[in-house]
Amino acid sequence: MTMLGTYIPGRSPVHRLPAGVKLLALFAAIAALSIFVSTPIAAAAAVAGVAAVFAVAGIGPRRAWPLMRGALLMVAIIVAVQLIVAGWHKALIVGAILLASIALAAVVTLTTRTSDILDTLIAVLAPLQKLGVRTDLIAMALALTIRSIPLIAEVFGQVDQARRARGLRPGPRVLIVPAVLATLETADRFADTLAARGLD
């Protein structure tokens, strides 16, 4: 199975966009989703728009489904909680915003090399170097944050697969606890890798 967020070479219009343009578009889109998606119709339009972005990027349904399965599971859990504490309207809005944001982050990481993301972030932060700021570390942190959004969704998908293989019923204890532990383990591996490369 392709790891969600792993770069997939391609020649789509999205692939050809500069990394800086895609990052700026990602941040702007997430901000717009948070501000303007406030009705079920807007939520449906947002999800449809993200599906169109997948299509333009050359990521069809057969490829998108295994990639987004973990995200759907994670969002479903959050929506279920929102249904209890805030009602169906709020749950629908929150679910749509989260799903669209995760999907957009996935598109960026699927169509952009990590090295290009790092180079772009370092260039943007370059003025801070005059103040003695370690811009390489900040860029690395931002790149890992973007990379981790879809990666956490992947973790949820793997946990659900393990749950089904063991014949266990879905539930917070069965899904959330293992997912959190797996996410922390992944973070530890990231930290070990960075430490091995001299980044503390």
Protein backbone atom coordinates (compact mmCIF):
# COMPACT_ATOMS: atom_id res chain seq x y z
CA MET A 1 0.00 0.00 0.00
CA THR A 2 1.28 3.49 -0.90
CA MET A 3 2.04 5.55 2.15
CA LEU A 4 -0.25 8.53 2.31
CA GLY A 5 1.84 11.61 1.67
CA THR A 6 4.62 9.81 -0.26
CA TYR A 7 5.58 11.69 -3.42
CA ILE A 8 4.17 10.16 -6.60
CA PRO A 9 5.91 11.34 -9.80
CA GLY A 10 3.60 12.76 -12.43
CA ARG A 11 3.07 15.43 -15.07
CA SER A 12 -0.32 16.76 -14.01
CA PRO A 13 -0.97 20.51 -13.75
CA VAL A 14 -0.74 20.18 -9.97
CA HIS A 15 2.64 18.40 -10.21
CA ARG A 16 3.99 21.22 -12.40
CA LEU A 17 3.04 23.98 -9.98
CA PRO A 18 5.97 25.37 -7.92
CA ALA A 19 6.12 24.11 -4.34
CA GLY A 20 5.67 27.64 -3.01
CA VAL A 21 2.46 28.13 -4.94
CA LYS A 22 1.06 24.84 -3.65
CA LEU A 23 1.98 25.61 -0.05
CA LEU A 24 0.45 29.07 -0.25
CA ALA A 25 -2.68 27.62 -1.84
CA LEU A 26 -2.87 24.95 0.87
CA PHE A 27 -2.71 27.47 3.74
CA ALA A 28 -5.17 29.78 2.00
CA ALA A 29 -7.59 26.94 1.28
CA ILE A 30 -7.54 25.68 4.88
CA ALA A 31 -8.15 29.23 6.15
CA ALA A 32 -11.00 29.67 3.66
CA LEU A 33 -12.55 26.36 4.70
CA SER A 34 -12.49 27.39 8.35
CA ILE A 35 -14.06 30.77 7.61
CA PHE A 36 -16.60 30.09 4.86
CA VAL A 37 -17.80 26.50 5.35
CA SER A 38 -20.71 27.04 7.71
CA THR A 39 -23.64 25.29 6.01
CA PRO A 40 -24.26 21.74 4.71
CA ILE A 41 -24.32 23.06 1.14
CA ALA A 42 -20.94 24.76 1.61
CA ALA A 43 -19.59 21.56 3.18
CA ALA A 44 -20.72 19.51 0.18
CA ALA A 45 -19.20 22.06 -2.20
CA ALA A 46 -15.88 21.96 -0.32
CA VAL A 47 -15.67 18.17 -0.51
CA ALA A 48 -16.62 18.24 -4.20
CA GLY A 49 -13.96 20.87 -4.83
CA VAL A 50 -11.28 18.75 -3.19
CA ALA A 51 -12.38 15.75 -5.26
CA ALA A 52 -11.88 17.90 -8.35
CA VAL A 53 -8.34 18.75 -7.16
CA PHE A 54 -7.59 15.03 -6.86
CA ALA A 55 -8.82 14.54 -10.42
CA VAL A 56 -6.69 17.38 -11.78
CA ALA A 57 -3.68 15.92 -9.96
CA GLY A 58 -4.26 12.60 -11.70
CA ILE A 59 -5.21 10.77 -8.50
CA GLY A 60 -8.27 8.74 -9.50
CA PRO A 61 -10.82 6.97 -7.27
CA ARG A 62 -8.91 3.67 -7.25
CA ARG A 63 -5.79 5.38 -5.98
CA ALA A 64 -7.56 7.92 -3.79
CA TRP A 65 -9.67 5.41 -1.83
CA PRO A 66 -6.81 3.45 -0.19
CA LEU A 67 -5.04 6.74 0.46
CA MET A 68 -8.01 8.42 2.13
CA ARG A 69 -9.48 5.43 3.98
CA GLY A 70 -7.58 6.23 7.14
CA ALA A 71 -8.62 9.87 6.96
CA LEU A 72 -12.27 8.88 6.60
CA LEU A 73 -12.01 6.69 9.70
CA MET A 74 -10.37 9.44 11.75
CA VAL A 75 -12.93 12.01 10.62
CA ALA A 76 -15.80 9.58 11.31
CA ILE A 77 -14.66 9.24 14.93
CA ILE A 78 -14.47 13.02 15.36
CA VAL A 79 -17.88 13.46 13.71
CA ALA A 80 -19.40 10.88 16.07
CA VAL A 81 -18.12 12.86 19.05
CA GLN A 82 -19.46 16.10 17.55
CA LEU A 83 -22.86 14.50 17.03
CA ILE A 84 -23.07 13.84 20.76
CA VAL A 85 -21.77 17.18 22.02
CA ALA A 86 -22.85 19.64 19.29
CA GLY A 87 -25.49 18.08 17.04
CA TRP A 88 -25.56 16.91 13.42
CA HIS A 89 -25.17 20.35 11.83
CA LYS A 90 -21.89 21.15 13.62
CA ALA A 91 -20.70 17.57 13.15
CA LEU A 92 -21.22 17.78 9.40
CA ILE A 93 -19.38 21.08 9.11
CA VAL A 94 -16.44 19.96 11.24
CA GLY A 95 -16.19 16.65 9.37
CA ALA A 96 -16.19 18.35 5.97
CA ILE A 97 -13.54 20.89 6.98
CA LEU A 98 -11.26 18.22 8.45
CA LEU A 99 -11.67 15.84 5.53
CA ALA A 100 -11.06 18.57 2.95
CA SER A 101 -8.01 19.89 4.83
CA ILE A 102 -6.43 16.45 5.18
CA ALA A 103 -7.12 15.67 1.52
CA LEU A 104 -5.54 18.93 0.36
CA ALA A 105 -2.45 18.32 2.49
CA ALA A 106 -2.26 14.83 0.96
CA VAL A 107 -2.42 16.25 -2.57
CA VAL A 108 0.44 18.63 -1.80
CA THR A 109 2.68 15.91 -0.36
CA LEU A 110 1.74 13.45 -3.12
CA THR A 111 2.66 15.91 -5.87
CA THR A 112 5.62 17.71 -4.26
CA ARG A 113 9.04 16.39 -3.28
CA THR A 114 9.94 16.95 0.37
CA SER A 115 13.20 18.57 -0.72
CA ASP A 116 11.24 21.13 -2.76
CA ILE A 117 9.02 21.91 0.23
CA LEU A 118 12.07 22.40 2.46
CA ASP A 119 13.86 24.60 -0.09
CA THR A 120 10.77 26.79 -0.44
CA LEU A 121 10.29 27.19 3.30
CA ILE A 122 13.98 27.97 3.85
CA ALA A 123 13.86 30.63 1.12
CA VAL A 124 10.77 32.23 2.67
CA LEU A 125 12.35 32.26 6.12
CA ALA A 126 15.76 33.45 4.88
CA PRO A 127 15.39 37.04 6.27
CA LEU A 128 15.23 35.59 9.77
CA GLN A 129 18.77 34.24 9.40
CA LYS A 130 20.08 37.77 9.91
CA LEU A 131 18.61 37.62 13.41
CA GLY A 132 20.43 34.37 14.16
CA VAL A 133 17.34 32.18 13.78
CA ARG A 134 17.90 28.57 12.71
CA THR A 135 15.59 28.74 9.69
CA ASP A 136 16.55 25.24 8.61
CA LEU A 137 15.04 23.82 11.79
CA ILE A 138 11.87 25.90 11.42
CA ALA A 139 11.52 24.78 7.80
CA MET A 140 12.02 21.17 8.83
CA ALA A 141 9.35 21.49 11.53
CA LEU A 142 6.86 23.04 9.10
CA ALA A 143 7.57 20.41 6.46
CA LEU A 144 7.10 17.62 8.99
CA THR A 145 3.84 19.21 10.14
CA ILE A 146 2.48 19.24 6.59
CA ARG A 147 3.74 15.68 6.07
CA SER A 148 2.24 14.49 9.35
CA ILE A 149 -1.34 15.60 8.59
CA PRO A 150 -1.92 12.83 6.05
CA LEU A 151 0.45 10.48 7.87
CA ILE A 152 -1.76 10.46 10.98
CA ALA A 153 -4.70 9.55 8.77
CA GLU A 154 -2.61 6.69 7.41
CA VAL A 155 -1.98 5.48 10.95
CA PHE A 156 -5.72 5.35 11.63
CA GLY A 157 -6.19 3.26 8.49
CA GLN A 158 -3.51 0.79 9.55
CA VAL A 159 -5.01 0.49 13.04
CA ASP A 160 -8.43 -0.21 11.54
CA GLN A 161 -6.97 -2.89 9.26
CA ALA A 162 -5.35 -4.55 12.28
CA ARG A 163 -8.64 -4.32 14.16
CA ARG A 164 -10.53 -6.06 11.36
CA ALA A 165 -7.83 -8.73 10.98
CA ARG A 166 -8.32 -9.60 14.65
CA GLY A 167 -12.10 -9.62 14.35
CA LEU A 168 -12.57 -6.85 16.92
CA ARG A 169 -15.56 -4.51 16.95
CA PRO A 170 -14.85 -0.81 16.32
CA GLY A 171 -14.80 1.43 19.36
CA PRO A 172 -12.84 4.29 20.93
CA ARG A 173 -10.65 1.97 23.01
CA VAL A 174 -9.93 -0.29 20.05
CA LEU A 175 -9.22 2.49 17.56
CA ILE A 176 -8.16 5.70 19.29
CA VAL A 177 -5.73 4.30 21.88
CA PRO A 178 -3.70 2.20 19.40
CA ALA A 179 -3.75 5.07 16.89
CA VAL A 180 -2.37 7.52 19.46
CA LEU A 181 0.34 5.06 20.49
CA ALA A 182 1.27 4.40 16.85
CA THR A 183 1.41 8.15 16.18
CA LEU A 184 3.72 8.68 19.14
CA GLU A 185 5.93 5.83 17.95
CA THR A 186 6.11 7.43 14.50
CA ALA A 187 7.06 10.76 16.11
CA ASP A 188 9.84 9.01 18.03
CA ARG A 189 11.19 7.55 14.78
CA PHE A 190 11.11 11.00 13.20
CA ALA A 191 13.04 12.39 16.19
CA ASP A 192 15.63 9.60 16.05
CA THR A 193 16.14 10.19 12.33
CA LEU A 194 16.61 13.92 12.83
CA ALA A 195 18.97 13.38 15.77
CA ALA A 196 21.05 10.97 13.66
CA ARG A 197 21.43 13.76 11.11
CA GLY A 198 22.58 16.25 13.72
CA LEU A 199 19.27 18.10 14.13
CA ASP A 200 18.16 18.44 17.76
